[in-house]
């Protein structure tokens, strides 16, 4: 069974950068579309970015366009989220998950995803 583990979170000042990793075990991620979500207390989990199985197409929430970049290395069984120009409102727990749908439809809602990791905390604060 596919298991996903997020890493790379931490405390960073506004304007700084972080790179998150989502490393899979138990199965290959190659056939699957993968997404990053984030969650803050009292709010629903919101989609940040998604990437098609081949890596050739991506989808972003408007709040991160131009600042975040999702990528993947299917040989390393890992998906990355490069986050630049971080803002305090980017603070939250970041999760990766696998889209259960075979057809690429972009980011979508959390209901379309399964096999969630445990999350990694990102805090943007001065």
Foldseek 3Di string as FASTA:
>chain_A
DKAWAKDWADEAAQQAKIKMKIAIPPDFCLQWKKFKWWDDPPDDIGTAKIAHSVQPDMAGDPVQPPFWDWGDDRVRSMIMIIGGSDDQVVWGWMKMFTFPDNDDDHGDDPVRTDNIHPTDTHGHHD
